[in-house]
C-alpha atoms as a PDB file:
ATOM      1  CA  UNK A   1     -17.587  20.693  23.667  1.00  0.00           C
ATOM      2  CA  UNK A   2     -17.657  24.487  23.626  1.00  0.00           C
ATOM      3  CA  UNK A   3     -15.600  26.313  21.012  1.00  0.00           C
ATOM      4  CA  UNK A   4     -15.351  29.578  19.125  1.00  0.00           C
ATOM      5  CA  UNK A   5     -14.170  30.447  15.632  1.00  0.00           C
ATOM      6  CA  UNK A   6     -11.325  32.962  15.406  1.00  0.00           C
ATOM      7  CA  UNK A   7      -9.288  34.512  12.609  1.00  0.00           C
ATOM      8  CA  UNK A   8      -5.559  35.268  12.643  1.00  0.00           C
ATOM      9  CA  UNK A   9      -3.334  36.523   9.812  1.00  0.00           C
ATOM     10  CA  UNK A  10      -0.955  33.552  10.109  1.00  0.00           C
ATOM     11  CA  UNK A  11      -3.492  30.775  10.860  1.00  0.00           C
ATOM     12  CA  UNK A  12      -6.528  32.038   8.987  1.00  0.00           C
ATOM     13  CA  UNK A  13      -9.933  30.950  10.284  1.00  0.00           C
ATOM     14  CA  UNK A  14      -9.584  28.347  13.048  1.00  0.00           C
ATOM     15  CA  UNK A  15     -11.406  26.823  16.017  1.00  0.00           C
ATOM     16  CA  UNK A  16     -10.390  27.434  19.638  1.00  0.00           C
ATOM     17  CA  UNK A  17     -11.897  25.450  22.508  1.00  0.00           C
ATOM     18  CA  UNK A  18     -13.361  27.460  25.368  1.00  0.00           C
ATOM     19  CA  UNK A  19     -13.262  24.553  27.804  1.00  0.00           C
ATOM     20  CA  UNK A  20     -10.527  22.126  28.751  1.00  0.00           C
ATOM     21  CA  UNK A  21     -10.302  19.127  26.487  1.00  0.00           C
ATOM     22  CA  UNK A  22      -8.400  15.890  26.711  1.00  0.00           C
ATOM     23  CA  UNK A  23      -6.374  14.171  24.010  1.00  0.00           C
ATOM     24  CA  UNK A  24      -8.804  12.312  21.768  1.00  0.00           C
ATOM     25  CA  UNK A  25     -11.901  14.418  22.571  1.00  0.00           C
ATOM     26  CA  UNK A  26     -14.062  15.148  19.531  1.00  0.00           C
ATOM     27  CA  UNK A  27     -14.338  18.914  19.120  1.00  0.00           C
ATOM     28  CA  UNK A  28     -16.142  19.146  15.790  1.00  0.00           C
ATOM     29  CA  UNK A  29     -17.586  16.480  13.510  1.00  0.00           C
ATOM     30  CA  UNK A  30     -19.175  16.800  10.074  1.00  0.00           C
ATOM     31  CA  UNK A  31     -20.122  14.459   7.237  1.00  0.00           C
ATOM     32  CA  UNK A  32     -17.969  14.944   4.128  1.00  0.00           C
ATOM     33  CA  UNK A  33     -19.469  17.066   1.345  1.00  0.00           C
ATOM     34  CA  UNK A  34     -18.007  14.832  -1.356  1.00  0.00           C
ATOM     35  CA  UNK A  35     -15.901  11.699  -1.605  1.00  0.00           C
ATOM     36  CA  UNK A  36     -14.150   9.920  -4.459  1.00  0.00           C
ATOM     37  CA  UNK A  37     -12.379   6.612  -4.897  1.00  0.00           C
ATOM     38  CA  UNK A  38      -8.769   6.400  -6.003  1.00  0.00           C
ATOM     39  CA  UNK A  39      -8.512   4.828  -9.443  1.00  0.00           C
ATOM     40  CA  UNK A  40      -7.048   1.560  -8.115  1.00  0.00           C
ATOM     41  CA  UNK A  41      -9.787   1.213  -5.464  1.00  0.00           C
ATOM     42  CA  UNK A  42     -12.524   1.659  -8.094  1.00  0.00           C
ATOM     43  CA  UNK A  43     -11.893  -1.859  -9.331  1.00  0.00           C
ATOM     44  CA  UNK A  44     -12.790  -3.498  -6.034  1.00  0.00           C
ATOM     45  CA  UNK A  45     -15.170  -1.124  -4.214  1.00  0.00           C
ATOM     46  CA  UNK A  46     -18.747   0.059  -4.763  1.00  0.00           C
ATOM     47  CA  UNK A  47     -18.755   3.592  -6.234  1.00  0.00           C
ATOM     48  CA  UNK A  48     -21.723   4.537  -4.034  1.00  0.00           C
ATOM     49  CA  UNK A  49     -21.074   3.020  -0.600  1.00  0.00           C
ATOM     50  CA  UNK A  50     -17.312   2.277  -0.944  1.00  0.00           C
ATOM     51  CA  UNK A  51     -17.994  -1.230   0.381  1.00  0.00           C
ATOM     52  CA  UNK A  52     -15.674  -3.994  -0.798  1.00  0.00           C
ATOM     53  CA  UNK A  53     -17.318  -5.899  -3.646  1.00  0.00           C
ATOM     54  CA  UNK A  54     -18.073  -9.557  -3.122  1.00  0.00           C
ATOM     55  CA  UNK A  55     -20.064 -10.051  -6.323  1.00  0.00           C
ATOM     56  CA  UNK A  56     -19.794  -7.322  -8.904  1.00  0.00           C
ATOM     57  CA  UNK A  57     -22.671  -5.862 -10.862  1.00  0.00           C
ATOM     58  CA  UNK A  58     -21.684  -3.667 -13.817  1.00  0.00           C
ATOM     59  CA  UNK A  59     -23.583  -0.441 -14.375  1.00  0.00           C
ATOM     60  CA  UNK A  60     -23.729   1.377 -17.732  1.00  0.00           C
ATOM     61  CA  UNK A  61     -21.866   0.797 -20.962  1.00  0.00           C
ATOM     62  CA  UNK A  62     -19.666   3.899 -21.219  1.00  0.00           C
ATOM     63  CA  UNK A  63     -18.459   3.929 -17.620  1.00  0.00           C
ATOM     64  CA  UNK A  64     -17.188   0.765 -15.951  1.00  0.00           C
ATOM     65  CA  UNK A  65     -18.643   1.541 -12.502  1.00  0.00           C
ATOM     66  CA  UNK A  66     -19.230  -1.046  -9.788  1.00  0.00           C
ATOM     67  CA  UNK A  67     -22.239  -0.962  -7.472  1.00  0.00           C
ATOM     68  CA  UNK A  68     -22.975  -3.366  -4.637  1.00  0.00           C
ATOM     69  CA  UNK A  69     -26.338  -5.120  -4.688  1.00  0.00           C
ATOM     70  CA  UNK A  70     -27.743  -2.998  -1.825  1.00  0.00           C
ATOM     71  CA  UNK A  71     -27.487   0.249  -3.869  1.00  0.00           C
ATOM     72  CA  UNK A  72     -28.450  -1.021  -7.327  1.00  0.00           C
END
């Protein structure tokens, strides 16, 4: 998909497509720079992969972090 970056006082920096696109077309995709778990999710998900824990494995003494077996 072709696009260009523009700047407007009201919108700020934004992307404008230069070709027709349909609803649901992916215009731009990027991996997140950082991600965190909500406090309540940290009790049931791996802190590295965010996978749901089936068998927990504690890591460290000071921080009660959970890691799945594939990342330990």
